[in-house]
Amino acid sequence: MKKINYTVVAEAGIHARPAGLLVKQAASFKSDIKLLNEENGKEADLKRLMAVMALGVKQGNRIVVTVEGEDEDEAYTVLESFLKENF
């Protein structure tokens, strides 16, 4: 299992358009991928847009993405890069 710890710097937090792109990225992998909002303790399957939106991730929130499965190394690299570029 790999973990990405990240603090959201985007002013709008994780909102609809980039969240949709993030979910699309996650869905391209076979691994089990979860997103945890450390501010409220809520966790969601990163492959489900409505679940991700329900986390209410705002600017300054610390999040943890966990990746576990056969392609976790590639998923980790791609998702970490995506977070840094978009959030």
PDB file of N, CA and C in Angstrom:
ATOM      1  N   MET A   1       0.848  -1.183   0.000  1.00  0.00           N
ATOM      2  CA  MET A   1       0.000   0.000   0.000  1.00  0.00           C
ATOM      3  C   MET A   1       0.885   1.235   0.000  1.00  0.00           C
ATOM      4  N   LYS A   2       0.457   2.218  -0.786  1.00  0.00           N
ATOM      5  CA  LYS A   2       1.169   3.491  -0.845  1.00  0.00           C
ATOM      6  C   LYS A   2       0.214   4.592  -0.407  1.00  0.00           C
ATOM      7  N   LYS A   3       0.778   5.626   0.231  1.00  0.00           N
ATOM      8  CA  LYS A   3      -0.028   6.756   0.713  1.00  0.00           C
ATOM      9  C   LYS A   3       0.541   8.063   0.199  1.00  0.00           C
ATOM     10  N   ILE A   4      -0.364   8.940  -0.208  1.00  0.00           N
ATOM     11  CA  ILE A   4       0.005  10.294  -0.605  1.00  0.00           C
ATOM     12  C   ILE A   4      -0.607  11.232   0.431  1.00  0.00           C
ATOM     13  N   ASN A   5       0.222  11.976   1.133  1.00  0.00           N
ATOM     14  CA  ASN A   5      -0.253  13.001   2.068  1.00  0.00           C
ATOM     15  C   ASN A   5      -0.124  14.335   1.358  1.00  0.00           C
ATOM     16  N   TYR A   6      -1.205  15.100   1.359  1.00  0.00           N
ATOM     17  CA  TYR A   6      -1.202  16.345   0.602  1.00  0.00           C
ATOM     18  C   TYR A   6      -2.095  17.380   1.283  1.00  0.00           C
ATOM     19  N   THR A   7      -1.666  18.629   1.255  1.00  0.00           N
ATOM     20  CA  THR A   7      -2.488  19.739   1.745  1.00  0.00           C
ATOM     21  C   THR A   7      -3.005  20.504   0.527  1.00  0.00           C
ATOM     22  N   VAL A   8      -4.314  20.640   0.432  1.00  0.00           N
ATOM     23  CA  VAL A   8      -4.939  21.285  -0.715  1.00  0.00           C
ATOM     24  C   VAL A   8      -4.652  22.787  -0.679  1.00  0.00           C
ATOM     25  N   VAL A   9      -4.056  23.299  -1.747  1.00  0.00           N
ATOM     26  CA  VAL A   9      -3.720  24.716  -1.825  1.00  0.00           C
ATOM     27  C   VAL A   9      -4.655  25.487  -2.759  1.00  0.00           C
ATOM     28  N   ALA A  10      -5.403  24.783  -3.583  1.00  0.00           N
ATOM     29  CA  ALA A  10      -6.324  25.441  -4.518  1.00  0.00           C
ATOM     30  C   ALA A  10      -7.388  26.201  -3.738  1.00  0.00           C
ATOM     31  N   GLU A  11      -7.633  27.441  -4.149  1.00  0.00           N
ATOM     32  CA  GLU A  11      -8.567  28.311  -3.454  1.00  0.00           C
ATOM     33  C   GLU A  11      -9.970  27.701  -3.354  1.00  0.00           C
ATOM     34  N   ALA A  12     -10.383  26.986  -4.385  1.00  0.00           N
ATOM     35  CA  ALA A  12     -11.731  26.395  -4.404  1.00  0.00           C
ATOM     36  C   ALA A  12     -11.769  24.995  -3.798  1.00  0.00           C
ATOM     37  N   GLY A  13     -10.632  24.500  -3.325  1.00  0.00           N
ATOM     38  CA  GLY A  13     -10.593  23.145  -2.784  1.00  0.00           C
ATOM     39  C   GLY A  13     -10.763  22.134  -3.908  1.00  0.00           C
ATOM     40  N   ILE A  14     -11.358  20.996  -3.586  1.00  0.00           N
ATOM     41  CA  ILE A  14     -11.631  19.994  -4.615  1.00  0.00           C
ATOM     42  C   ILE A  14     -13.065  20.200  -5.066  1.00  0.00           C
ATOM     43  N   HIS A  15     -13.219  20.916  -6.186  1.00  0.00           N
ATOM     44  CA  HIS A  15     -14.561  21.208  -6.698  1.00  0.00           C
ATOM     45  C   HIS A  15     -14.834  20.374  -7.947  1.00  0.00           C
ATOM     46  N   ALA A  16     -16.015  20.493  -8.495  1.00  0.00           N
ATOM     47  CA  ALA A  16     -16.549  19.586  -9.513  1.00  0.00           C
ATOM     48  C   ALA A  16     -15.631  19.265 -10.695  1.00  0.00           C
ATOM     49  N   ARG A  17     -15.186  20.259 -11.422  1.00  0.00           N
ATOM     50  CA  ARG A  17     -14.437  19.972 -12.650  1.00  0.00           C
ATOM     51  C   ARG A  17     -13.136  19.215 -12.375  1.00  0.00           C
ATOM     52  N   PRO A  18     -12.243  19.726 -11.527  1.00  0.00           N
ATOM     53  CA  PRO A  18     -11.013  18.965 -11.291  1.00  0.00           C
ATOM     54  C   PRO A  18     -11.264  17.655 -10.545  1.00  0.00           C
ATOM     55  N   ALA A  19     -12.304  17.608  -9.730  1.00  0.00           N
ATOM     56  CA  ALA A  19     -12.637  16.350  -9.046  1.00  0.00           C
ATOM     57  C   ALA A  19     -13.016  15.294 -10.066  1.00  0.00           C
ATOM     58  N   GLY A  20     -13.756  15.690 -11.088  1.00  0.00           N
ATOM     59  CA  GLY A  20     -14.129  14.763 -12.155  1.00  0.00           C
ATOM     60  C   GLY A  20     -12.905  14.225 -12.875  1.00  0.00           C
ATOM     61  N   LEU A  21     -11.939  15.091 -13.117  1.00  0.00           N
ATOM     62  CA  LEU A  21     -10.697  14.662 -13.770  1.00  0.00           C
ATOM     63  C   LEU A  21      -9.894  13.729 -12.862  1.00  0.00           C
ATOM     64  N   LEU A  22      -9.883  14.027 -11.566  1.00  0.00           N
ATOM     65  CA  LEU A  22      -9.180  13.183 -10.604  1.00  0.00           C
ATOM     66  C   LEU A  22      -9.814  11.790 -10.552  1.00  0.00           C
ATOM     67  N   VAL A  23     -11.134  11.736 -10.523  1.00  0.00           N
ATOM     68  CA  VAL A  23     -11.849  10.458 -10.507  1.00  0.00           C
ATOM     69  C   VAL A  23     -11.559   9.673 -11.788  1.00  0.00           C
ATOM     70  N   LYS A  24     -11.529  10.372 -12.904  1.00  0.00           N
ATOM     71  CA  LYS A  24     -11.229   9.718 -14.187  1.00  0.00           C
ATOM     72  C   LYS A  24      -9.824   9.114 -14.165  1.00  0.00           C
ATOM     73  N   GLN A  25      -8.868   9.854 -13.607  1.00  0.00           N
ATOM     74  CA  GLN A  25      -7.502   9.326 -13.477  1.00  0.00           C
ATOM     75  C   GLN A  25      -7.501   8.063 -12.616  1.00  0.00           C
ATOM     76  N   ALA A  26      -8.158   8.141 -11.463  1.00  0.00           N
ATOM     77  CA  ALA A  26      -8.182   7.008 -10.531  1.00  0.00           C
ATOM     78  C   ALA A  26      -8.853   5.800 -11.162  1.00  0.00           C
ATOM     79  N   ALA A  27      -9.919   6.027 -11.919  1.00  0.00           N
ATOM     80  CA  ALA A  27     -10.679   4.933 -12.527  1.00  0.00           C
ATOM     81  C   ALA A  27      -9.880   4.183 -13.586  1.00  0.00           C
ATOM     82  N   SER A  28      -8.809   4.790 -14.063  1.00  0.00           N
ATOM     83  CA  SER A  28      -7.998   4.127 -15.087  1.00  0.00           C
ATOM     84  C   SER A  28      -7.072   3.057 -14.501  1.00  0.00           C
ATOM     85  N   PHE A  29      -7.055   2.918 -13.186  1.00  0.00           N
ATOM     86  CA  PHE A  29      -6.202   1.931 -12.529  1.00  0.00           C
ATOM     87  C   PHE A  29      -7.032   0.818 -11.898  1.00  0.00           C
ATOM     88  N   LYS A  30      -6.432  -0.352 -11.775  1.00  0.00           N
ATOM     89  CA  LYS A  30      -7.110  -1.505 -11.178  1.00  0.00           C
ATOM     90  C   LYS A  30      -7.056  -1.468  -9.649  1.00  0.00           C
ATOM     91  N   SER A  31      -6.091  -0.755  -9.121  1.00  0.00           N
ATOM     92  CA  SER A  31      -5.896  -0.689  -7.664  1.00  0.00           C
ATOM     93  C   SER A  31      -7.098  -0.089  -6.948  1.00  0.00           C
ATOM     94  N   ASP A  32      -7.232  -0.426  -5.671  1.00  0.00           N
ATOM     95  CA  ASP A  32      -8.241   0.173  -4.795  1.00  0.00           C
ATOM     96  C   ASP A  32      -7.671   1.511  -4.332  1.00  0.00           C
ATOM     97  N   ILE A  33      -8.407   2.598  -4.584  1.00  0.00           N
ATOM     98  CA  ILE A  33      -7.907   3.935  -4.277  1.00  0.00           C
ATOM     99  C   ILE A  33      -8.929   4.671  -3.421  1.00  0.00           C
ATOM    100  N   LYS A  34      -8.489   5.147  -2.262  1.00  0.00           N
ATOM    101  CA  LYS A  34      -9.363   5.858  -1.322  1.00  0.00           C
ATOM    102  C   LYS A  34      -8.827   7.263  -1.076  1.00  0.00           C
ATOM    103  N   LEU A  35      -9.751   8.176  -0.761  1.00  0.00           N
ATOM    104  CA  LEU A  35      -9.396   9.552  -0.416  1.00  0.00           C
ATOM    105  C   LEU A  35      -9.961   9.861   0.959  1.00  0.00           C
ATOM    106  N   LEU A  36      -9.103  10.295   1.861  1.00  0.00           N
ATOM    107  CA  LEU A  36      -9.501  10.649   3.227  1.00  0.00           C
ATOM    108  C   LEU A  36      -9.316  12.141   3.425  1.00  0.00           C
ATOM    109  N   ASN A  37     -10.357  12.807   3.928  1.00  0.00           N
ATOM    110  CA  ASN A  37     -10.258  14.211   4.326  1.00  0.00           C
ATOM    111  C   ASN A  37      -9.945  14.193   5.822  1.00  0.00           C
ATOM    112  N   GLU A  38      -8.720  14.509   6.193  1.00  0.00           N
ATOM    113  CA  GLU A  38      -8.311  14.445   7.601  1.00  0.00           C
ATOM    114  C   GLU A  38      -9.042  15.457   8.472  1.00  0.00           C
ATOM    115  N   GLU A  39      -9.590  16.506   7.872  1.00  0.00           N
ATOM    116  CA  GLU A  39     -10.274  17.544   8.650  1.00  0.00           C
ATOM    117  C   GLU A  39     -11.554  17.029   9.296  1.00  0.00           C
ATOM    118  N   ASN A  40     -12.269  16.152   8.593  1.00  0.00           N
ATOM    119  CA  ASN A  40     -13.529  15.642   9.147  1.00  0.00           C
ATOM    120  C   ASN A  40     -13.553  14.126   9.288  1.00  0.00           C
ATOM    121  N   GLY A  41     -12.471  13.456   8.900  1.00  0.00           N
ATOM    122  CA  GLY A  41     -12.370  12.011   9.055  1.00  0.00           C
ATOM    123  C   GLY A  41     -13.163  11.204   8.048  1.00  0.00           C
ATOM    124  N   LYS A  42     -13.759  11.868   7.058  1.00  0.00           N
ATOM    125  CA  LYS A  42     -14.545  11.154   6.048  1.00  0.00           C
ATOM    126  C   LYS A  42     -13.642  10.582   4.972  1.00  0.00           C
ATOM    127  N   GLU A  43     -14.019   9.386   4.492  1.00  0.00           N
ATOM    128  CA  GLU A  43     -13.244   8.710   3.461  1.00  0.00           C
ATOM    129  C   GLU A  43     -14.169   8.299   2.331  1.00  0.00           C
ATOM    130  N   ALA A  44     -13.631   8.290   1.098  1.00  0.00           N
ATOM    131  CA  ALA A  44     -14.437   7.911  -0.058  1.00  0.00           C
ATOM    132  C   ALA A  44     -13.595   7.127  -1.060  1.00  0.00           C
ATOM    133  N   ASP A  45     -14.291   6.349  -1.868  1.00  0.00           N
ATOM    134  CA  ASP A  45     -13.675   5.656  -2.996  1.00  0.00           C
ATOM    135  C   ASP A  45     -13.359   6.728  -4.035  1.00  0.00           C
ATOM    136  N   LEU A  46     -12.105   6.838  -4.414  1.00  0.00           N
ATOM    137  CA  LEU A  46     -11.689   7.901  -5.335  1.00  0.00           C
ATOM    138  C   LEU A  46     -12.203   7.686  -6.752  1.00  0.00           C
ATOM    139  N   LYS A  47     -12.822   6.553  -7.003  1.00  0.00           N
ATOM    140  CA  LYS A  47     -13.370   6.270  -8.328  1.00  0.00           C
ATOM    141  C   LYS A  47     -14.851   6.644  -8.426  1.00  0.00           C
ATOM    142  N   ARG A  48     -15.406   7.256  -7.371  1.00  0.00           N
ATOM    143  CA  ARG A  48     -16.816   7.641  -7.339  1.00  0.00           C
ATOM    144  C   ARG A  48     -16.930   9.154  -7.103  1.00  0.00           C
ATOM    145  N   LEU A  49     -17.319   9.878  -8.144  1.00  0.00           N
ATOM    146  CA  LEU A  49     -17.345  11.340  -8.096  1.00  0.00           C
ATOM    147  C   LEU A  49     -18.223  11.885  -6.979  1.00  0.00           C
ATOM    148  N   MET A  50     -19.426  11.390  -6.837  1.00  0.00           N
ATOM    149  CA  MET A  50     -20.332  11.920  -5.818  1.00  0.00           C
ATOM    150  C   MET A  50     -19.773  11.688  -4.410  1.00  0.00           C
ATOM    151  N   ALA A  51     -19.126  10.563  -4.213  1.00  0.00           N
ATOM    152  CA  ALA A  51     -18.517  10.273  -2.906  1.00  0.00           C
ATOM    153  C   ALA A  51     -17.382  11.253  -2.617  1.00  0.00           C
ATOM    154  N   VAL A  52     -16.582  11.560  -3.636  1.00  0.00           N
ATOM    155  CA  VAL A  52     -15.472  12.498  -3.478  1.00  0.00           C
ATOM    156  C   VAL A  52     -16.015  13.900  -3.179  1.00  0.00           C
ATOM    157  N   MET A  53     -17.053  14.316  -3.896  1.00  0.00           N
ATOM    158  CA  MET A  53     -17.638  15.631  -3.682  1.00  0.00           C
ATOM    159  C   MET A  53     -18.244  15.749  -2.277  1.00  0.00           C
ATOM    160  N   ALA A  54     -18.783  14.649  -1.767  1.00  0.00           N
ATOM    161  CA  ALA A  54     -19.412  14.653  -0.439  1.00  0.00           C
ATOM    162  C   ALA A  54     -18.395  14.859   0.686  1.00  0.00           C
ATOM    163  N   LEU A  55     -17.107  14.687   0.398  1.00  0.00           N
ATOM    164  CA  LEU A  55     -16.073  14.890   1.423  1.00  0.00           C
ATOM    165  C   LEU A  55     -15.916  16.363   1.792  1.00  0.00           C
ATOM    166  N   GLY A  56     -16.297  17.256   0.894  1.00  0.00           N
ATOM    167  CA  GLY A  56     -16.224  18.693   1.179  1.00  0.00           C
ATOM    168  C   GLY A  56     -14.813  19.198   1.427  1.00  0.00           C
ATOM    169  N   VAL A  57     -13.864  18.774   0.596  1.00  0.00           N
ATOM    170  CA  VAL A  57     -12.469  19.179   0.778  1.00  0.00           C
ATOM    171  C   VAL A  57     -12.287  20.636   0.374  1.00  0.00           C
ATOM    172  N   LYS A  58     -11.786  21.440   1.308  1.00  0.00           N
ATOM    173  CA  LYS A  58     -11.591  22.874   1.096  1.00  0.00           C
ATOM    174  C   LYS A  58     -10.104  23.221   1.121  1.00  0.00           C
ATOM    175  N   GLN A  59      -9.799  24.446   0.733  1.00  0.00           N
ATOM    176  CA  GLN A  59      -8.413  24.917   0.759  1.00  0.00           C
ATOM    177  C   GLN A  59      -7.859  24.770   2.174  1.00  0.00           C
ATOM    178  N   GLY A  60      -6.636  24.255   2.277  1.00  0.00           N
ATOM    179  CA  GLY A  60      -5.986  24.079   3.566  1.00  0.00           C
ATOM    180  C   GLY A  60      -6.235  22.730   4.214  1.00  0.00           C
ATOM    181  N   ASN A  61      -7.207  21.963   3.702  1.00  0.00           N
ATOM    182  CA  ASN A  61      -7.471  20.632   4.261  1.00  0.00           C
ATOM    183  C   ASN A  61      -6.348  19.674   3.895  1.00  0.00           C
ATOM    184  N   ARG A  62      -6.000  18.837   4.860  1.00  0.00           N
ATOM    185  CA  ARG A  62      -5.024  17.771   4.600  1.00  0.00           C
ATOM    186  C   ARG A  62      -5.793  16.539   4.140  1.00  0.00           C
ATOM    187  N   ILE A  63      -5.315  15.946   3.045  1.00  0.00           N
ATOM    188  CA  ILE A  63      -5.941  14.734   2.529  1.00  0.00           C
ATOM    189  C   ILE A  63      -4.905  13.616   2.453  1.00  0.00           C
ATOM    190  N   VAL A  64      -5.401  12.393   2.469  1.00  0.00           N
ATOM    191  CA  VAL A  64      -4.539  11.225   2.302  1.00  0.00           C
ATOM    192  C   VAL A  64      -5.173  10.345   1.231  1.00  0.00           C
ATOM    193  N   VAL A  65      -4.388  10.031   0.208  1.00  0.00           N
ATOM    194  CA  VAL A  65      -4.831   9.108  -0.829  1.00  0.00           C
ATOM    195  C   VAL A  65      -4.090   7.801  -0.596  1.00  0.00           C
ATOM    196  N   THR A  66      -4.835   6.708  -0.458  1.00  0.00           N
ATOM    197  CA  THR A  66      -4.211   5.398  -0.308  1.00  0.00           C
ATOM    198  C   THR A  66      -4.458   4.584  -1.570  1.00  0.00           C
ATOM    199  N   VAL A  67      -3.404   3.925  -2.025  1.00  0.00           N
ATOM    200  CA  VAL A  67      -3.465   3.135  -3.252  1.00  0.00           C
ATOM    201  C   VAL A  67      -2.964   1.734  -2.923  1.00  0.00           C
ATOM    202  N   GLU A  68      -3.784   0.737  -3.236  1.00  0.00           N
ATOM    203  CA  GLU A  68      -3.387  -0.640  -2.950  1.00  0.00           C
ATOM    204  C   GLU A  68      -3.866  -1.547  -4.078  1.00  0.00           C
ATOM    205  N   GLY A  69      -2.914  -2.265  -4.675  1.00  0.00           N
ATOM    206  CA  GLY A  69      -3.272  -3.186  -5.750  1.00  0.00           C
ATOM    207  C   GLY A  69      -2.114  -3.432  -6.693  1.00  0.00           C
ATOM    208  N   GLU A  70      -2.429  -4.111  -7.775  1.00  0.00           N
ATOM    209  CA  GLU A  70      -1.389  -4.567  -8.691  1.00  0.00           C
ATOM    210  C   GLU A  70      -0.664  -3.449  -9.435  1.00  0.00           C
ATOM    211  N   ASP A  71      -1.320  -2.316  -9.656  1.00  0.00           N
ATOM    212  CA  ASP A  71      -0.663  -1.213 -10.363  1.00  0.00           C
ATOM    213  C   ASP A  71      -0.482   0.007  -9.453  1.00  0.00           C
ATOM    214  N   GLU A  72      -0.287  -0.256  -8.158  1.00  0.00           N
ATOM    215  CA  GLU A  72      -0.215   0.843  -7.184  1.00  0.00           C
ATOM    216  C   GLU A  72       0.953   1.785  -7.420  1.00  0.00           C
ATOM    217  N   ASP A  73       2.084   1.286  -7.893  1.00  0.00           N
ATOM    218  CA  ASP A  73       3.243   2.161  -8.119  1.00  0.00           C
ATOM    219  C   ASP A  73       2.942   3.207  -9.188  1.00  0.00           C
ATOM    220  N   GLU A  74       2.374   2.761 -10.298  1.00  0.00           N
ATOM    221  CA  GLU A  74       2.033   3.685 -11.385  1.00  0.00           C
ATOM    222  C   GLU A  74       0.921   4.644 -10.942  1.00  0.00           C
ATOM    223  N   ALA A  75      -0.092   4.115 -10.271  1.00  0.00           N
ATOM    224  CA  ALA A  75      -1.210   4.942  -9.804  1.00  0.00           C
ATOM    225  C   ALA A  75      -0.702   6.012  -8.837  1.00  0.00           C
ATOM    226  N   TYR A  76       0.170   5.629  -7.920  1.00  0.00           N
ATOM    227  CA  TYR A  76       0.748   6.563  -6.951  1.00  0.00           C
ATOM    228  C   TYR A  76       1.426   7.730  -7.667  1.00  0.00           C
ATOM    229  N   THR A  77       2.273   7.412  -8.634  1.00  0.00           N
ATOM    230  CA  THR A  77       3.024   8.434  -9.360  1.00  0.00           C
ATOM    231  C   THR A  77       2.093   9.382 -10.112  1.00  0.00           C
ATOM    232  N   VAL A  78       1.132   8.826 -10.824  1.00  0.00           N
ATOM    233  CA  VAL A  78       0.211   9.642 -11.625  1.00  0.00           C
ATOM    234  C   VAL A  78      -0.667  10.518 -10.731  1.00  0.00           C
ATOM    235  N   LEU A  79      -1.228   9.938  -9.673  1.00  0.00           N
ATOM    236  CA  LEU A  79      -2.131  10.693  -8.808  1.00  0.00           C
ATOM    237  C   LEU A  79      -1.404  11.773  -8.005  1.00  0.00           C
ATOM    238  N   GLU A  80      -0.191  11.473  -7.552  1.00  0.00           N
ATOM    239  CA  GLU A  80       0.581  12.477  -6.824  1.00  0.00           C
ATOM    240  C   GLU A  80       0.861  13.677  -7.728  1.00  0.00           C
ATOM    241  N   SER A  81       1.251  13.411  -8.955  1.00  0.00           N
ATOM    242  CA  SER A  81       1.505  14.475  -9.920  1.00  0.00           C
ATOM    243  C   SER A  81       0.235  15.283 -10.184  1.00  0.00           C
ATOM    244  N   PHE A  82      -0.892  14.594 -10.358  1.00  0.00           N
ATOM    245  CA  PHE A  82      -2.159  15.261 -10.636  1.00  0.00           C
ATOM    246  C   PHE A  82      -2.553  16.187  -9.488  1.00  0.00           C
ATOM    247  N   LEU A  83      -2.409  15.720  -8.250  1.00  0.00           N
ATOM    248  CA  LEU A  83      -2.738  16.540  -7.096  1.00  0.00           C
ATOM    249  C   LEU A  83      -1.909  17.816  -7.064  1.00  0.00           C
ATOM    250  N   LYS A  84      -0.610  17.678  -7.283  1.00  0.00           N
ATOM    251  CA  LYS A  84       0.282  18.839  -7.241  1.00  0.00           C
ATOM    252  C   LYS A  84      -0.027  19.854  -8.345  1.00  0.00           C
ATOM    253  N   GLU A  85      -0.446  19.375  -9.511  1.00  0.00           N
ATOM    254  CA  GLU A  85      -0.731  20.257 -10.637  1.00  0.00           C
ATOM    255  C   GLU A  85      -2.098  20.931 -10.527  1.00  0.00           C
ATOM    256  N   ASN A  86      -3.053  20.293  -9.841  1.00  0.00           N
ATOM    257  CA  ASN A  86      -4.433  20.774  -9.887  1.00  0.00           C
ATOM    258  C   ASN A  86      -5.021  21.225  -8.554  1.00  0.00           C
ATOM    259  N   PHE A  87      -4.444  20.823  -7.456  1.00  0.00           N
ATOM    260  CA  PHE A  87      -5.028  21.153  -6.156  1.00  0.00           C
ATOM    261  C   PHE A  87      -4.009  21.786  -5.235  1.00  0.00           C
TER     262      PHE A  87
END
